[in-house]
Amino acid sequence: MKVDIYRKLNVPKGQGKTWSILDRSTRRVVGHVFDGAIVDNVRFVVQPAGHAKVIAQEQKNVHAFVRGDSSEIAKSYHMAMSKDWVEVTYKPFEHDYFYRTDTGEAVYETDWVYIDEAGVFMNKN
């Protein structure tokens, strides 16, 4: 299934990051990521008009997401987070792209990512 996965904006503090899964064919939310998910053939998408609106209004809206193919729900599959993994994040008031937290390098696509309540992670290589 082709999906867009985005961080839910209105999650109370202490509940971690939760993510909505949008089915691209129906444009409906079909689930949420709590235990972990793997997405293949990933593109990191930032919609320019949405980003501009965030900057102008200084209020977040959903305009950035991980786009790809839903692979599997990876319950309790924390990928043995090691030195081979790096978090990918997006901060609209700092950049207009997703980036690696270890180097600050912009990231636009990758083979696959692991998403859980801690964030979005890709292999460093």
N, C-alpha and C. Protein backbone atom coordinates (compact mmCIF):
# COMPACT_ATOMS: atom_id res chain seq x y z
N MET A 1 0.83 -1.17 0.00
CA MET A 1 0.00 0.00 0.00
C MET A 1 0.89 1.24 0.00
N LYS A 2 0.58 2.21 -0.83
CA LYS A 2 1.30 3.48 -0.87
C LYS A 2 0.76 4.37 0.24
N VAL A 3 1.67 4.90 1.06
CA VAL A 3 1.26 5.66 2.24
C VAL A 3 2.05 6.95 2.39
N ASP A 4 1.44 7.87 3.12
CA ASP A 4 2.13 9.04 3.66
C ASP A 4 2.01 8.90 5.17
N ILE A 5 3.12 9.04 5.87
CA ILE A 5 3.11 8.95 7.33
C ILE A 5 3.59 10.28 7.88
N TYR A 6 2.79 10.86 8.76
CA TYR A 6 3.14 12.15 9.32
C TYR A 6 2.91 12.16 10.81
N ARG A 7 3.65 13.03 11.47
CA ARG A 7 3.54 13.13 12.92
C ARG A 7 2.26 13.85 13.29
N LYS A 8 1.53 13.27 14.24
CA LYS A 8 0.33 13.92 14.74
C LYS A 8 0.75 15.15 15.53
N LEU A 9 0.09 16.27 15.30
CA LEU A 9 0.50 17.53 15.91
C LEU A 9 -0.04 17.73 17.31
N ASN A 10 -1.21 17.22 17.59
CA ASN A 10 -1.86 17.49 18.88
C ASN A 10 -1.78 16.30 19.82
N VAL A 11 -0.56 15.92 20.16
CA VAL A 11 -0.36 14.81 21.09
C VAL A 11 0.12 15.40 22.42
N PRO A 12 -0.58 15.11 23.51
CA PRO A 12 -0.16 15.65 24.81
C PRO A 12 1.27 15.24 25.16
N LYS A 13 1.96 16.12 25.87
CA LYS A 13 3.33 15.83 26.28
C LYS A 13 3.37 14.56 27.09
N GLY A 14 4.45 13.81 26.92
CA GLY A 14 4.63 12.58 27.66
C GLY A 14 4.05 11.36 26.97
N GLN A 15 3.32 11.56 25.89
CA GLN A 15 2.76 10.42 25.17
C GLN A 15 3.62 10.01 23.98
N GLY A 16 4.79 10.60 23.85
CA GLY A 16 5.68 10.24 22.76
C GLY A 16 5.17 10.75 21.43
N LYS A 17 5.93 10.46 20.39
CA LYS A 17 5.53 10.85 19.05
C LYS A 17 4.62 9.77 18.49
N THR A 18 3.48 10.16 18.02
CA THR A 18 2.63 9.20 17.34
C THR A 18 2.44 9.68 15.90
N TRP A 19 2.22 8.74 15.04
CA TRP A 19 2.22 9.00 13.61
C TRP A 19 0.92 8.50 12.99
N SER A 20 0.38 9.25 12.04
CA SER A 20 -0.80 8.84 11.29
C SER A 20 -0.36 8.24 9.97
N ILE A 21 -1.07 7.20 9.54
CA ILE A 21 -0.79 6.53 8.27
C ILE A 21 -1.94 6.85 7.32
N LEU A 22 -1.63 7.54 6.24
CA LEU A 22 -2.62 7.94 5.26
C LEU A 22 -2.47 7.06 4.01
N ASP A 23 -3.54 6.39 3.62
CA ASP A 23 -3.55 5.59 2.39
C ASP A 23 -3.64 6.57 1.23
N ARG A 24 -2.66 6.56 0.34
CA ARG A 24 -2.61 7.54 -0.74
C ARG A 24 -3.72 7.33 -1.76
N SER A 25 -4.22 6.12 -1.91
CA SER A 25 -5.26 5.89 -2.92
C SER A 25 -6.63 6.39 -2.45
N THR A 26 -6.92 6.29 -1.17
CA THR A 26 -8.22 6.73 -0.65
C THR A 26 -8.14 8.09 0.03
N ARG A 27 -6.92 8.57 0.34
CA ARG A 27 -6.69 9.82 1.06
C ARG A 27 -7.33 9.80 2.45
N ARG A 28 -7.39 8.59 3.05
CA ARG A 28 -7.95 8.43 4.39
C ARG A 28 -6.89 7.89 5.34
N VAL A 29 -6.99 8.32 6.59
CA VAL A 29 -6.11 7.77 7.62
C VAL A 29 -6.57 6.35 7.90
N VAL A 30 -5.65 5.40 7.75
CA VAL A 30 -5.99 3.99 7.93
C VAL A 30 -5.40 3.40 9.20
N GLY A 31 -4.64 4.19 9.93
CA GLY A 31 -4.06 3.68 11.17
C GLY A 31 -3.07 4.65 11.76
N HIS A 32 -2.44 4.21 12.83
CA HIS A 32 -1.43 5.00 13.52
C HIS A 32 -0.26 4.10 13.88
N VAL A 33 0.92 4.68 13.94
CA VAL A 33 2.12 3.94 14.32
C VAL A 33 2.33 4.12 15.81
N PHE A 34 2.31 3.02 16.53
CA PHE A 34 2.62 3.04 17.96
C PHE A 34 3.81 2.13 18.24
N ASP A 35 3.76 0.90 17.75
CA ASP A 35 4.78 -0.11 18.03
C ASP A 35 5.93 -0.09 17.04
N GLY A 36 5.78 0.57 15.93
CA GLY A 36 6.83 0.64 14.94
C GLY A 36 6.33 0.23 13.57
N ALA A 37 6.89 0.82 12.55
CA ALA A 37 6.52 0.49 11.17
C ALA A 37 7.75 0.64 10.29
N ILE A 38 7.77 -0.15 9.24
CA ILE A 38 8.82 -0.06 8.24
C ILE A 38 8.18 0.44 6.96
N VAL A 39 8.83 1.41 6.32
CA VAL A 39 8.35 1.97 5.06
C VAL A 39 9.48 1.82 4.04
N ASP A 40 9.14 1.28 2.86
CA ASP A 40 10.12 1.07 1.79
C ASP A 40 10.00 2.18 0.74
N ASN A 41 11.05 2.30 -0.10
CA ASN A 41 11.06 3.24 -1.22
C ASN A 41 10.64 4.63 -0.77
N VAL A 42 11.37 5.16 0.19
CA VAL A 42 10.98 6.37 0.91
C VAL A 42 11.41 7.65 0.20
N ARG A 43 10.48 8.57 0.17
CA ARG A 43 10.77 9.97 -0.19
C ARG A 43 10.34 10.82 0.99
N PHE A 44 11.16 11.79 1.35
CA PHE A 44 10.82 12.73 2.41
C PHE A 44 10.24 13.97 1.73
N VAL A 45 8.97 14.24 1.97
CA VAL A 45 8.25 15.28 1.25
C VAL A 45 7.96 16.47 2.16
N VAL A 46 8.28 17.66 1.68
CA VAL A 46 7.90 18.90 2.33
C VAL A 46 7.17 19.72 1.28
N GLN A 47 5.91 20.01 1.52
CA GLN A 47 5.13 20.80 0.57
C GLN A 47 5.47 22.28 0.77
N PRO A 48 5.98 22.94 -0.28
CA PRO A 48 6.44 24.33 -0.15
C PRO A 48 5.37 25.31 0.34
N ALA A 49 4.15 25.19 -0.16
CA ALA A 49 3.09 26.12 0.26
C ALA A 49 2.77 25.93 1.74
N GLY A 50 2.73 24.68 2.19
CA GLY A 50 2.48 24.41 3.60
C GLY A 50 3.60 24.93 4.48
N HIS A 51 4.83 24.77 4.03
CA HIS A 51 5.98 25.28 4.79
C HIS A 51 5.91 26.80 4.88
N ALA A 52 5.60 27.46 3.77
CA ALA A 52 5.50 28.92 3.77
C ALA A 52 4.40 29.40 4.73
N LYS A 53 3.31 28.66 4.78
CA LYS A 53 2.21 29.02 5.68
C LYS A 53 2.63 28.88 7.14
N VAL A 54 3.39 27.84 7.45
CA VAL A 54 3.89 27.65 8.82
C VAL A 54 4.77 28.84 9.21
N ILE A 55 5.64 29.25 8.33
CA ILE A 55 6.55 30.36 8.61
C ILE A 55 5.76 31.66 8.78
N ALA A 56 4.81 31.89 7.88
CA ALA A 56 4.03 33.14 7.92
C ALA A 56 3.14 33.22 9.16
N GLN A 57 2.48 32.11 9.50
CA GLN A 57 1.53 32.12 10.62
C GLN A 57 2.14 31.71 11.94
N GLU A 58 3.37 31.20 11.89
CA GLU A 58 4.05 30.69 13.08
C GLU A 58 3.20 29.67 13.81
N GLN A 59 2.52 28.83 13.03
CA GLN A 59 1.67 27.78 13.58
C GLN A 59 1.84 26.54 12.71
N LYS A 60 2.10 25.41 13.35
CA LYS A 60 2.34 24.17 12.60
C LYS A 60 1.08 23.66 11.93
N ASN A 61 1.29 23.02 10.77
CA ASN A 61 0.23 22.31 10.06
C ASN A 61 0.88 21.10 9.39
N VAL A 62 0.07 20.16 8.95
CA VAL A 62 0.63 18.96 8.31
C VAL A 62 0.99 19.30 6.87
N HIS A 63 2.28 19.35 6.60
CA HIS A 63 2.75 19.65 5.24
C HIS A 63 4.04 18.88 4.91
N ALA A 64 4.47 18.02 5.84
CA ALA A 64 5.69 17.25 5.64
C ALA A 64 5.43 15.82 6.09
N PHE A 65 5.94 14.87 5.32
CA PHE A 65 5.65 13.48 5.63
C PHE A 65 6.66 12.54 4.98
N VAL A 66 6.64 11.31 5.46
CA VAL A 66 7.41 10.22 4.87
C VAL A 66 6.48 9.52 3.89
N ARG A 67 6.87 9.47 2.62
CA ARG A 67 6.04 8.84 1.58
C ARG A 67 6.74 7.57 1.12
N GLY A 68 5.97 6.48 1.03
CA GLY A 68 6.57 5.24 0.57
C GLY A 68 5.57 4.10 0.55
N ASP A 69 6.10 2.90 0.55
CA ASP A 69 5.29 1.69 0.52
C ASP A 69 5.28 1.08 1.91
N SER A 70 4.07 0.89 2.45
CA SER A 70 3.95 0.27 3.75
C SER A 70 4.44 -1.16 3.66
N SER A 71 5.41 -1.49 4.50
CA SER A 71 6.01 -2.81 4.42
C SER A 71 5.42 -3.76 5.45
N GLU A 72 5.50 -3.37 6.70
CA GLU A 72 5.00 -4.23 7.77
C GLU A 72 4.95 -3.43 9.05
N ILE A 73 4.12 -3.85 9.95
CA ILE A 73 4.16 -3.30 11.29
C ILE A 73 5.22 -4.09 12.04
N ALA A 74 6.10 -3.39 12.68
CA ALA A 74 7.26 -4.03 13.28
C ALA A 74 7.15 -4.00 14.80
N LYS A 75 6.19 -4.69 15.34
CA LYS A 75 5.97 -4.69 16.79
C LYS A 75 7.22 -5.15 17.53
N SER A 76 7.57 -4.36 18.51
CA SER A 76 8.73 -4.66 19.36
C SER A 76 9.99 -4.94 18.54
N TYR A 77 10.15 -4.23 17.47
CA TYR A 77 11.27 -4.45 16.55
C TYR A 77 12.14 -3.21 16.54
N HIS A 78 12.72 -2.90 17.64
CA HIS A 78 13.42 -1.63 17.78
C HIS A 78 14.73 -1.57 17.03
N MET A 79 14.89 -2.46 16.08
CA MET A 79 16.00 -2.43 15.13
C MET A 79 17.37 -2.49 15.79
N ALA A 80 17.42 -2.89 17.05
CA ALA A 80 18.69 -2.94 17.77
C ALA A 80 19.48 -1.67 17.48
N MET A 81 18.90 -0.55 17.82
CA MET A 81 19.49 0.75 17.51
C MET A 81 20.97 0.75 17.87
N SER A 82 21.77 0.93 16.88
CA SER A 82 23.21 0.87 17.06
C SER A 82 23.85 2.02 16.32
N LYS A 83 25.12 1.96 16.21
CA LYS A 83 25.84 3.03 15.51
C LYS A 83 25.51 3.09 14.02
N ASP A 84 24.83 2.07 13.50
CA ASP A 84 24.49 2.04 12.08
C ASP A 84 23.22 2.81 11.74
N TRP A 85 22.53 3.34 12.76
CA TRP A 85 21.26 4.02 12.55
C TRP A 85 21.36 5.49 12.91
N VAL A 86 20.63 6.31 12.17
CA VAL A 86 20.60 7.74 12.45
C VAL A 86 19.16 8.24 12.35
N GLU A 87 18.83 9.16 13.22
CA GLU A 87 17.49 9.74 13.17
C GLU A 87 17.42 10.77 12.04
N VAL A 88 16.27 10.81 11.39
CA VAL A 88 15.97 11.81 10.37
C VAL A 88 14.83 12.64 10.93
N THR A 89 14.96 13.96 10.86
CA THR A 89 13.93 14.81 11.43
C THR A 89 13.64 15.99 10.52
N TYR A 90 12.61 16.73 10.87
CA TYR A 90 12.21 17.92 10.12
C TYR A 90 11.77 18.97 11.13
N LYS A 91 12.35 20.15 11.03
CA LYS A 91 11.98 21.26 11.91
C LYS A 91 11.71 22.46 11.01
N PRO A 92 10.44 22.79 10.80
CA PRO A 92 10.08 23.80 9.80
C PRO A 92 10.62 25.19 10.06
N PHE A 93 10.91 25.54 11.31
CA PHE A 93 11.44 26.86 11.58
C PHE A 93 12.96 26.93 11.41
N GLU A 94 13.59 25.78 11.14
CA GLU A 94 15.03 25.73 10.91
C GLU A 94 15.39 25.44 9.45
N HIS A 95 14.65 24.51 8.83
CA HIS A 95 14.96 24.09 7.45
C HIS A 95 13.67 23.81 6.70
N ASP A 96 13.78 23.76 5.38
CA ASP A 96 12.62 23.38 4.57
C ASP A 96 12.82 21.99 3.97
N TYR A 97 13.54 21.14 4.70
CA TYR A 97 13.82 19.77 4.28
C TYR A 97 14.05 18.89 5.51
N PHE A 98 13.93 17.58 5.30
CA PHE A 98 14.29 16.61 6.33
C PHE A 98 15.81 16.52 6.36
N TYR A 99 16.36 16.20 7.53
CA TYR A 99 17.82 16.10 7.62
C TYR A 99 18.24 15.06 8.65
N ARG A 100 19.48 14.59 8.47
CA ARG A 100 20.09 13.65 9.41
C ARG A 100 20.50 14.42 10.65
N THR A 101 20.18 13.87 11.83
CA THR A 101 20.53 14.57 13.06
C THR A 101 22.02 14.49 13.39
N ASP A 102 22.72 13.52 12.81
CA ASP A 102 24.15 13.39 13.12
C ASP A 102 25.02 14.36 12.33
N THR A 103 24.64 14.67 11.10
CA THR A 103 25.47 15.51 10.24
C THR A 103 24.78 16.80 9.81
N GLY A 104 23.46 16.86 9.93
CA GLY A 104 22.71 18.01 9.43
C GLY A 104 22.49 17.97 7.93
N GLU A 105 22.94 16.90 7.29
CA GLU A 105 22.82 16.75 5.84
C GLU A 105 21.36 16.54 5.44
N ALA A 106 20.94 17.24 4.38
CA ALA A 106 19.58 17.08 3.86
C ALA A 106 19.38 15.66 3.34
N VAL A 107 18.17 15.12 3.55
CA VAL A 107 17.83 13.78 3.09
C VAL A 107 16.52 13.89 2.32
N TYR A 108 16.52 13.38 1.09
CA TYR A 108 15.32 13.46 0.26
C TYR A 108 14.72 12.10 -0.05
N GLU A 109 15.53 11.06 0.03
CA GLU A 109 15.02 9.70 -0.19
C GLU A 109 15.99 8.68 0.38
N THR A 110 15.47 7.49 0.59
CA THR A 110 16.27 6.36 1.07
C THR A 110 15.51 5.08 0.77
N ASP A 111 16.18 3.96 0.86
CA ASP A 111 15.54 2.68 0.55
C ASP A 111 14.41 2.37 1.52
N TRP A 112 14.65 2.59 2.81
CA TRP A 112 13.61 2.31 3.80
C TRP A 112 13.93 3.00 5.11
N VAL A 113 12.88 3.17 5.93
CA VAL A 113 13.03 3.75 7.26
C VAL A 113 12.26 2.92 8.26
N TYR A 114 12.64 3.07 9.52
CA TYR A 114 11.91 2.50 10.65
C TYR A 114 11.33 3.67 11.42
N ILE A 115 10.03 3.63 11.72
CA ILE A 115 9.37 4.70 12.45
C ILE A 115 8.76 4.12 13.72
N ASP A 116 9.04 4.78 14.84
CA ASP A 116 8.37 4.41 16.09
C ASP A 116 8.17 5.66 16.92
N GLU A 117 7.76 5.49 18.17
CA GLU A 117 7.46 6.66 18.99
C GLU A 117 8.68 7.54 19.23
N ALA A 118 9.88 7.01 19.05
CA ALA A 118 11.10 7.79 19.24
C ALA A 118 11.45 8.66 18.03
N GLY A 119 10.94 8.29 16.84
CA GLY A 119 11.24 9.08 15.65
C GLY A 119 11.35 8.24 14.39
N VAL A 120 11.99 8.83 13.39
CA VAL A 120 12.21 8.20 12.08
C VAL A 120 13.70 7.90 11.98
N PHE A 121 14.03 6.65 11.62
CA PHE A 121 15.42 6.23 11.57
C PHE A 121 15.75 5.57 10.25
N MET A 122 16.94 5.88 9.74
CA MET A 122 17.42 5.24 8.51
C MET A 122 18.83 4.73 8.76
N ASN A 123 19.26 3.80 7.92
CA ASN A 123 20.61 3.28 7.99
C ASN A 123 21.57 4.38 7.55
N LYS A 124 22.68 4.51 8.24
CA LYS A 124 23.66 5.56 7.91
C LYS A 124 24.27 5.39 6.53
N ASN A 125 24.33 4.18 6.06
CA ASN A 125 25.03 3.94 4.79
C ASN A 125 24.19 4.23 3.59
